[in-house]
Protein backbone atom coordinates (compact mmCIF):
# COMPACT_ATOMS: atom_id res chain seq x y z
CA MET A 1 52.37 122.18 288.68
CA ARG A 2 55.95 122.07 287.31
CA ALA A 3 54.72 124.32 284.28
CA ALA A 4 53.01 126.75 286.68
CA ARG A 5 56.13 127.07 288.91
CA ILE A 6 58.45 127.54 285.85
CA SER A 7 55.86 130.23 284.31
CA ARG A 8 55.76 132.02 287.73
CA THR A 9 59.58 131.96 288.29
CA PHE A 10 60.09 133.38 284.63
CA GLY A 11 57.68 136.17 285.39
CA VAL A 12 59.26 137.34 288.44
CA PHE A 13 62.89 137.24 286.75
CA ALA A 14 61.67 139.36 284.03
CA ILE A 15 60.00 142.03 286.69
CA LEU A 16 63.02 141.74 288.97
CA GLY A 17 65.46 142.19 286.23
CA VAL A 18 63.87 145.43 285.29
CA LEU A 19 63.84 146.74 288.82
CA ALA A 20 67.36 145.48 289.74
CA ALA A 21 68.88 147.84 286.89
CA CYS A 22 67.66 150.88 288.60
CA GLY A 23 69.47 153.13 291.09
CA GLU A 24 71.51 156.19 290.76
CA THR A 25 74.12 155.55 293.61
CA ALA A 26 76.05 152.71 294.93
CA VAL A 27 73.85 152.01 297.74
CA GLU A 28 70.44 152.28 295.61
CA GLN A 29 72.00 149.70 293.28
CA SER A 30 72.94 147.56 295.95
CA LEU A 31 69.53 147.69 297.76
CA TYR A 32 67.62 147.14 294.55
CA GLY A 33 69.76 144.21 293.72
CA ALA A 34 69.38 143.08 297.37
CA GLY A 35 65.70 143.12 297.24
CA ALA A 36 65.43 141.43 293.65
CA GLY A 37 67.87 138.72 294.70
CA MET A 38 65.93 138.29 298.27
CA ALA A 39 62.52 137.92 296.32
CA THR A 40 63.92 135.43 293.89
CA ALA A 41 65.45 133.54 296.51
CA LEU A 42 62.08 133.19 298.23
CA LEU A 43 60.16 132.38 295.14
CA VAL A 44 62.35 129.44 294.28
CA ASP A 45 62.61 128.35 298.05
CA GLY A 46 66.22 129.39 298.26
CA ASP A 47 67.88 131.11 301.19
CA PRO A 48 66.65 134.80 301.36
CA VAL A 49 70.16 135.93 302.97
CA VAL A 50 72.07 134.55 300.41
CA GLY A 51 69.59 135.63 297.57
CA ALA A 52 69.88 139.32 298.92
CA LEU A 53 73.90 139.14 299.02
CA ALA A 54 74.11 137.50 295.68
CA GLY A 55 71.55 140.05 294.22
CA GLY A 56 73.21 143.17 295.72
CA ALA A 57 76.72 142.38 294.76
CA ALA A 58 75.68 141.35 291.34
CA ASN A 59 73.56 144.55 290.68
CA LEU A 60 76.14 146.78 292.09
CA ALA A 61 79.01 144.96 289.84
CA TYR A 62 76.90 145.15 286.70
CA CYS A 63 75.91 148.80 287.30
CA GLN A 64 79.65 150.01 288.01
CA ALA A 65 80.99 148.16 284.91
CA ASN A 66 78.11 149.65 282.45
CA PRO A 67 77.10 152.94 284.23
CA GLY A 68 75.08 154.17 281.02
CA LYS A 69 72.69 151.22 281.35
CA CYS A 70 71.65 151.89 285.11
CA ASN A 71 70.56 155.26 285.38
C-alpha cells in the first residue's frame, strides 16, 4: 500500500512539474502553479487552499527569476 502511494505521488509530481512551468504572463504562471499545488495537496491529503497558495507563489517566483525557462 505504501509503495503504491509513493509511486502515485512521484508520478503526479513529475506531471505537475511539467505543467507548473508553463505560462507566458504572471497571471498564467500563478494559476498554473496554484492548480498544480492544489492537485498535489489533494493527492497527499494536505490542505488544498495551502497547496494552491504555495504552488501559485512558488511557480510565479521561479518563473520571474528564470524567465527563459518558463515560456
